[in-house]
Amino acid sequence: MSSTSLGGLLRRPEAGAALGLIAVLIFFAFFGGVTFLKPAGMASWLNVAANLGVIAIPLGLLMIAGELDISVGAMVPFGAMTVAVVSGHYDMPIWLGVAMALSFGVIVGLVNGILVVKTAVPSLIVTLGSLFAVQGVVLGLTVLITKSTSVALSVEGPAKAMFGDFLFGGQLQVMALWWLGLTALYIFFVHFSPFGNWIFAMGGDKVSARNAGIPTDRLTIILFVLSATSAAFVGMSQAILYNSAQVAGGQSFIFNAIISVVVGGVLLTGGFGSVVGIFFGTITFAIVTQGIYYTDFDRNWSSLIIGVLLLGAVLMNNTFRKMALSATTKKKGAKA
């Protein structure tokens, strides 16, 4: 491979994320030993990456477009409790519970998107409000209906196999297949269709994008719907997998997803990133958080080790991002 080709690869948004992933894999393979690389060890962090990744990619696309959605932390338990109450407490068909969980995700996403577009209030504030509102609805209605904060659910048949089952001898969750399939779809739409260019244009300068004829309002709403629905989907699937749902939970997805997206090379100010980078960033985060348990390190230092490794991955990404932006500036200057 020529130096020019290598330089082009290193300037891609996912370059830093890929190298960060390789670095943490080597680190934990060395300190975690053979157990970390055995099927059971790999499944432990792939399961975390799968559930997180389904949420992280649409959230990352929102961040590339210059927006943010922190209501995903409430949508996970919302999706879980909806399917549990409908198909567990009321014993209605599981497919009705699935449809209602996803429908509520669409509704919350629509509300978030419309409020952001129509009010011009920062999306952080809008989704912070919806985060608390949805949490209140989930807690209040669940206790009112079931007199409990936990609801049991028993699912068998196709729904169990599709949303909440284990593969390969009970180690890898079926969510991993959804994650891979959805990632492939996002890669196509973001990097091989006009929609991707529109998202990046919005993150660069939304006013200019609108003046260029890009339907910024409609696209913003669609991205918020994808984000909220994906979180509800993960919550619903977890309820089916574990045969129960809790009103508490899901808060960790807010920061974990944002960290994964940033580790994946997405710029917080928007306009820069890639689906592949987010995919690598999600795996990196999962390996770091799970790999620590396969080492001999004192668990009291685990948070410090995780923080240092993640910071190193972000700094590496930042270096490659600067290389990419510098190369783009030079090319524009040469053309001028």
Protein backbone atom coordinates (compact mmCIF):
# COMPACT_ATOMS: atom_id res chain seq x y z
CA MET A 1 0.00 0.00 0.00
CA SER A 2 1.38 3.41 -0.97
CA SER A 3 2.01 6.11 1.63
CA THR A 4 -0.70 8.20 -0.03
CA SER A 5 -3.25 5.42 0.37
CA LEU A 6 -2.17 4.81 3.96
CA GLY A 7 -2.43 8.52 4.73
CA GLY A 8 -5.92 8.58 3.25
CA LEU A 9 -7.00 5.68 5.46
CA LEU A 10 -5.55 7.27 8.58
CA ARG A 11 -7.45 10.49 7.90
CA ARG A 12 -10.82 8.71 7.81
CA PRO A 13 -13.18 9.38 10.77
CA GLU A 14 -13.05 5.75 11.91
CA ALA A 15 -9.23 5.46 11.79
CA GLY A 16 -8.66 6.51 15.39
CA ALA A 17 -11.54 4.35 16.60
CA ALA A 18 -10.12 1.30 14.80
CA LEU A 19 -6.65 1.80 16.28
CA GLY A 20 -8.16 2.41 19.72
CA LEU A 21 -10.10 -0.85 19.42
CA ILE A 22 -6.97 -2.75 18.45
CA ALA A 23 -5.08 -1.19 21.38
CA VAL A 24 -7.64 -2.19 24.02
CA LEU A 25 -7.98 -5.67 22.52
CA ILE A 26 -4.22 -6.20 22.82
CA PHE A 27 -4.21 -4.71 26.32
CA PHE A 28 -6.91 -7.01 27.68
CA ALA A 29 -5.74 -10.03 25.71
CA PHE A 30 -2.38 -9.60 27.46
CA PHE A 31 -3.64 -8.82 30.96
CA GLY A 32 -6.88 -10.83 30.78
CA GLY A 33 -5.32 -13.99 29.45
CA VAL A 34 -6.97 -16.72 27.44
CA THR A 35 -10.30 -16.43 29.28
CA PHE A 36 -10.94 -12.98 27.82
CA LEU A 37 -10.69 -14.37 24.27
CA LYS A 38 -12.73 -17.51 24.87
CA PRO A 39 -16.31 -17.58 23.47
CA ALA A 40 -17.83 -16.87 26.89
CA GLY A 41 -15.48 -13.94 27.46
CA MET A 42 -16.11 -12.48 24.01
CA ALA A 43 -19.86 -12.90 24.43
CA SER A 44 -19.76 -10.87 27.65
CA TRP A 45 -18.55 -7.73 25.90
CA LEU A 46 -20.32 -8.38 22.59
CA ASN A 47 -23.66 -8.53 24.43
CA VAL A 48 -22.94 -5.16 26.03
CA ALA A 49 -21.82 -3.73 22.70
CA ALA A 50 -24.92 -5.03 20.89
CA ASN A 51 -27.47 -3.45 23.24
CA LEU A 52 -25.48 -0.24 23.46
CA GLY A 53 -24.74 -0.15 19.74
CA VAL A 54 -28.38 -0.24 18.65
CA ILE A 55 -28.85 3.02 20.60
CA ALA A 56 -25.44 4.57 19.94
CA ILE A 57 -25.61 4.68 16.13
CA PRO A 58 -28.85 6.73 15.79
CA LEU A 59 -27.70 8.88 18.71
CA GLY A 60 -24.39 9.37 16.91
CA LEU A 61 -26.20 10.43 13.74
CA LEU A 62 -28.09 13.02 15.76
CA MET A 63 -24.77 14.30 17.14
CA ILE A 64 -23.30 14.46 13.63
CA ALA A 65 -26.36 16.53 12.66
CA GLY A 66 -25.61 18.88 15.57
CA GLU A 67 -28.30 17.62 17.98
CA LEU A 68 -28.39 15.48 21.13
CA ASP A 69 -30.93 13.12 22.67
CA ILE A 70 -30.54 12.18 26.33
CA SER A 71 -34.11 10.91 26.67
CA VAL A 72 -32.88 7.47 25.58
CA GLY A 73 -32.19 6.79 29.27
CA ALA A 74 -35.93 6.85 29.93
CA MET A 75 -36.98 5.15 26.69
CA VAL A 76 -35.21 1.90 27.61
CA PRO A 77 -37.36 1.26 30.72
CA PHE A 78 -40.37 2.72 28.88
CA GLY A 79 -40.05 0.08 26.16
CA ALA A 80 -39.45 -2.66 28.72
CA MET A 81 -42.37 -1.73 30.97
CA THR A 82 -44.76 -1.27 28.04
CA VAL A 83 -44.30 -4.80 26.73
CA ALA A 84 -44.28 -6.21 30.28
CA VAL A 85 -47.52 -4.48 31.31
CA VAL A 86 -49.37 -5.20 28.06
CA SER A 87 -48.23 -8.80 27.53
CA GLY A 88 -47.33 -9.73 31.09
CA HIS A 89 -49.71 -7.98 33.47
CA TYR A 90 -52.69 -7.95 31.08
CA ASP A 91 -51.66 -11.16 29.29
CA MET A 92 -52.29 -9.67 25.85
CA PRO A 93 -50.57 -11.08 22.72
CA ILE A 94 -46.84 -10.42 22.75
CA TRP A 95 -46.95 -8.85 19.31
CA LEU A 96 -49.36 -6.23 20.61
CA GLY A 97 -46.92 -5.44 23.41
CA VAL A 98 -44.06 -5.17 20.91
CA ALA A 99 -46.10 -2.90 18.63
CA MET A 100 -47.10 -0.63 21.51
CA ALA A 101 -43.54 -0.37 22.85
CA LEU A 102 -42.22 0.67 19.45
CA SER A 103 -45.19 2.98 18.83
CA PHE A 104 -44.52 4.85 22.07
CA GLY A 105 -40.90 5.20 20.93
CA VAL A 106 -42.09 6.78 17.70
CA ILE A 107 -44.41 9.14 19.58
CA VAL A 108 -41.72 10.35 22.01
CA GLY A 109 -39.28 10.79 19.12
CA LEU A 110 -41.85 12.82 17.20
CA VAL A 111 -42.51 15.03 20.21
CA ASN A 112 -38.78 15.60 20.76
CA GLY A 113 -38.14 16.37 17.10
CA ILE A 114 -41.11 18.68 16.66
CA LEU A 115 -40.28 20.63 19.83
CA VAL A 116 -36.66 21.08 18.72
CA VAL A 117 -37.69 22.19 15.24
CA LYS A 118 -40.60 24.44 16.18
CA THR A 119 -39.29 26.08 19.35
CA ALA A 120 -35.57 26.39 18.52
CA VAL A 121 -34.86 25.34 22.12
CA PRO A 122 -31.56 23.39 22.30
CA SER A 123 -32.14 19.66 21.94
CA LEU A 124 -30.25 19.03 25.19
CA ILE A 125 -32.90 20.99 27.11
CA VAL A 126 -35.83 19.47 25.20
CA THR A 127 -34.69 15.89 25.71
CA LEU A 128 -33.74 16.57 29.33
CA GLY A 129 -37.36 17.57 29.87
CA SER A 130 -38.67 14.50 28.06
CA LEU A 131 -36.25 12.32 30.03
CA PHE A 132 -37.85 13.33 33.34
CA ALA A 133 -41.36 13.38 31.88
CA VAL A 134 -41.10 9.84 30.51
CA GLN A 135 -39.52 8.62 33.76
CA GLY A 136 -42.47 10.04 35.65
CA VAL A 137 -44.99 8.45 33.28
CA VAL A 138 -43.30 5.05 33.52
CA LEU A 139 -43.13 5.09 37.32
CA GLY A 140 -46.57 6.59 37.89
CA LEU A 141 -48.50 4.40 35.46
CA THR A 142 -46.68 1.20 36.40
CA VAL A 143 -47.39 1.61 40.11
CA LEU A 144 -50.97 2.71 39.37
CA ILE A 145 -51.67 -0.29 37.15
CA THR A 146 -49.61 -3.08 38.72
CA LYS A 147 -49.07 -1.79 42.30
CA SER A 148 -45.40 -2.66 41.82
CA THR A 149 -42.22 -1.34 40.22
CA SER A 150 -41.39 -4.73 38.73
CA VAL A 151 -43.47 -6.73 36.24
CA ALA A 152 -42.92 -10.35 35.22
CA LEU A 153 -43.22 -11.47 31.61
CA SER A 154 -43.19 -14.89 30.01
CA VAL A 155 -42.58 -15.11 26.26
CA GLU A 156 -42.18 -18.17 24.07
CA GLY A 157 -42.16 -18.91 20.36
CA PRO A 158 -41.09 -16.65 17.47
CA ALA A 159 -41.09 -13.44 19.54
CA LYS A 160 -38.68 -14.98 22.04
CA ALA A 161 -36.41 -16.21 19.25
CA MET A 162 -36.46 -12.85 17.47
CA PHE A 163 -36.01 -10.43 20.36
CA GLY A 164 -34.92 -12.15 23.56
CA ASP A 165 -33.07 -15.40 23.04
CA PHE A 166 -29.49 -16.62 23.28
CA LEU A 167 -27.38 -18.04 20.47
CA PHE A 168 -24.50 -20.50 20.38
CA GLY A 169 -25.23 -22.45 23.50
CA GLY A 170 -26.74 -19.67 25.56
CA GLN A 171 -23.88 -17.15 25.45
CA LEU A 172 -24.51 -14.54 22.76
CA GLN A 173 -27.75 -12.57 22.76
CA VAL A 174 -29.80 -12.43 19.57
CA MET A 175 -29.51 -8.63 19.88
CA ALA A 176 -26.04 -9.03 18.36
CA LEU A 177 -27.65 -10.01 15.04
CA TRP A 178 -29.97 -7.00 15.17
CA TRP A 179 -26.97 -4.80 15.90
CA LEU A 180 -25.00 -6.10 12.92
CA GLY A 181 -28.00 -5.87 10.59
CA LEU A 182 -28.93 -2.35 11.66
CA THR A 183 -25.30 -1.24 11.41
CA ALA A 184 -25.18 -2.46 7.80
CA LEU A 185 -28.38 -0.54 7.01
CA TYR A 186 -27.08 2.64 8.62
CA ILE A 187 -23.79 2.34 6.72
CA PHE A 188 -25.70 2.16 3.44
CA PHE A 189 -28.04 5.08 4.14
CA VAL A 190 -25.40 7.33 5.69
CA HIS A 191 -22.42 6.66 3.45
CA PHE A 192 -23.99 5.52 0.17
CA SER A 193 -27.11 7.64 -0.17
CA PRO A 194 -27.94 11.38 -0.26
CA PHE A 195 -29.34 11.22 3.28
CA GLY A 196 -25.85 10.89 4.72
CA ASN A 197 -24.62 14.01 2.95
CA TRP A 198 -27.64 15.87 4.28
CA ILE A 199 -26.87 14.81 7.87
CA PHE A 200 -23.25 15.95 7.60
CA ALA A 201 -24.33 19.23 5.97
CA MET A 202 -26.74 19.90 8.83
CA GLY A 203 -23.97 19.36 11.37
CA GLY A 204 -21.66 21.69 9.49
CA ASP A 205 -24.10 24.58 9.05
CA LYS A 206 -27.83 24.00 9.40
CA VAL A 207 -28.80 27.38 7.92
CA SER A 208 -26.69 26.81 4.80
CA ALA A 209 -28.06 23.26 4.54
CA ARG A 210 -31.62 24.60 4.64
CA ASN A 211 -30.83 27.24 2.07
CA ALA A 212 -29.40 24.52 -0.17
CA GLY A 213 -32.77 22.78 -0.21
CA ILE A 214 -32.09 20.08 2.37
CA PRO A 215 -35.25 19.25 4.39
CA THR A 216 -33.51 19.91 7.70
CA ASP A 217 -36.68 20.00 9.83
CA ARG A 218 -38.02 16.72 8.49
CA LEU A 219 -34.65 15.01 8.77
CA THR A 220 -34.18 16.24 12.34
CA ILE A 221 -37.53 14.77 13.35
CA ILE A 222 -36.72 11.45 11.63
CA LEU A 223 -33.41 11.22 13.52
CA PHE A 224 -35.12 11.84 16.86
CA VAL A 225 -37.70 9.16 16.03
CA LEU A 226 -34.92 6.69 15.22
CA SER A 227 -33.14 7.48 18.47
CA ALA A 228 -36.17 7.10 20.74
CA THR A 229 -37.52 4.03 18.93
CA SER A 230 -34.15 2.29 19.04
CA ALA A 231 -33.95 2.81 22.81
CA ALA A 232 -37.50 1.50 23.25
CA PHE A 233 -36.57 -1.52 21.10
CA VAL A 234 -33.60 -2.34 23.33
CA GLY A 235 -35.72 -2.04 26.48
CA MET A 236 -38.46 -4.23 24.99
CA SER A 237 -35.92 -6.87 23.95
CA GLN A 238 -34.31 -6.92 27.39
CA ALA A 239 -37.70 -7.46 29.03
CA ILE A 240 -38.36 -10.41 26.71
CA LEU A 241 -34.86 -11.78 27.30
CA TYR A 242 -34.95 -11.63 31.10
CA ASN A 243 -38.72 -12.22 31.49
CA SER A 244 -39.16 -9.10 33.61
CA ALA A 245 -39.01 -5.32 33.54
CA GLN A 246 -38.07 -2.68 36.11
CA VAL A 247 -39.09 0.97 36.22
CA ALA A 248 -35.53 1.85 37.24
CA GLY A 249 -32.75 1.31 34.77
CA GLY A 250 -31.59 2.70 31.48
CA GLN A 251 -29.82 5.75 32.90
CA SER A 252 -26.42 4.28 32.12
CA PHE A 253 -27.30 4.19 28.43
CA ILE A 254 -27.23 7.99 28.27
CA PHE A 255 -23.56 8.48 29.07
CA ASN A 256 -22.41 5.08 27.81
CA ALA A 257 -23.88 5.76 24.38
CA ILE A 258 -22.45 9.28 24.21
CA ILE A 259 -19.01 8.01 25.29
CA SER A 260 -19.15 5.26 22.65
CA VAL A 261 -20.05 7.79 19.98
CA VAL A 262 -17.23 10.15 20.98
CA VAL A 263 -14.72 7.28 21.20
CA GLY A 264 -15.98 6.36 17.72
CA GLY A 265 -14.74 9.66 16.35
CA VAL A 266 -17.89 11.79 16.24
CA LEU A 267 -17.31 15.48 16.85
CA LEU A 268 -19.44 16.89 19.68
CA THR A 269 -20.07 20.04 17.67
CA GLY A 270 -21.40 18.02 14.72
CA GLY A 271 -20.49 17.56 11.08
CA PHE A 272 -17.86 14.84 11.52
CA GLY A 273 -17.98 11.09 12.16
CA SER A 274 -18.97 7.76 10.63
CA VAL A 275 -21.19 4.77 11.35
CA VAL A 276 -18.19 2.42 11.21
CA GLY A 277 -16.39 4.60 13.75
CA ILE A 278 -19.37 4.48 16.12
CA PHE A 279 -19.45 0.69 15.66
CA PHE A 280 -15.77 0.45 16.64
CA GLY A 281 -16.25 2.92 19.50
CA THR A 282 -19.09 0.87 20.94
CA ILE A 283 -17.00 -2.31 20.91
CA THR A 284 -14.09 -0.43 22.47
CA PHE A 285 -16.26 0.84 25.31
CA ALA A 286 -17.74 -2.61 25.91
CA ILE A 287 -14.31 -4.26 25.98
CA VAL A 288 -12.94 -1.70 28.43
CA THR A 289 -15.90 -1.96 30.82
CA GLN A 290 -16.10 -5.76 30.72
CA GLY A 291 -12.45 -6.67 30.17
CA ILE A 292 -11.40 -5.31 33.53
CA TYR A 293 -13.11 -8.27 35.21
CA TYR A 294 -10.85 -10.73 33.37
CA THR A 295 -7.65 -9.17 34.72
CA ASP A 296 -5.92 -9.41 38.09
CA PHE A 297 -6.21 -5.67 38.70
CA ASP A 298 -7.63 -4.53 42.01
CA ARG A 299 -11.33 -3.79 41.37
CA ASN A 300 -11.02 -0.68 43.53
CA TRP A 301 -8.95 0.84 40.71
CA SER A 302 -11.26 -0.29 37.92
CA SER A 303 -12.89 3.10 37.37
CA LEU A 304 -9.48 4.77 37.09
CA ILE A 305 -8.25 2.20 34.57
CA ILE A 306 -11.44 2.45 32.52
CA GLY A 307 -11.24 6.25 32.55
CA VAL A 308 -7.59 6.31 31.46
CA LEU A 309 -8.15 3.83 28.63
CA LEU A 310 -11.22 5.65 27.34
CA LEU A 311 -9.46 9.01 27.56
CA GLY A 312 -6.54 7.56 25.60
CA ALA A 313 -8.94 6.32 22.91
CA VAL A 314 -10.61 9.73 22.67
CA LEU A 315 -7.24 11.54 22.44
CA MET A 316 -6.15 9.16 19.71
CA ASN A 317 -9.37 9.88 17.84
CA ASN A 318 -8.84 13.60 18.27
CA THR A 319 -5.38 13.35 16.71
CA PHE A 320 -6.69 11.57 13.63
CA ARG A 321 -9.62 13.96 13.39
CA LYS A 322 -7.23 16.90 13.26
CA MET A 323 -5.27 15.12 10.53
CA ALA A 324 -8.44 14.66 8.50
CA LEU A 325 -9.59 18.26 8.94
CA SER A 326 -6.11 19.55 8.13
CA ALA A 327 -5.99 17.47 4.94
CA THR A 328 -9.44 18.73 3.91
CA THR A 329 -8.36 22.35 4.45
CA LYS A 330 -5.21 21.85 2.38
CA LYS A 331 -7.20 20.33 -0.49
CA LYS A 332 -9.62 23.27 -0.51
CA GLY A 333 -6.68 25.66 -0.47
CA ALA A 334 -5.02 23.89 -3.39
CA LYS A 335 -8.21 24.02 -5.46
CA ALA A 336 -8.61 27.73 -4.74
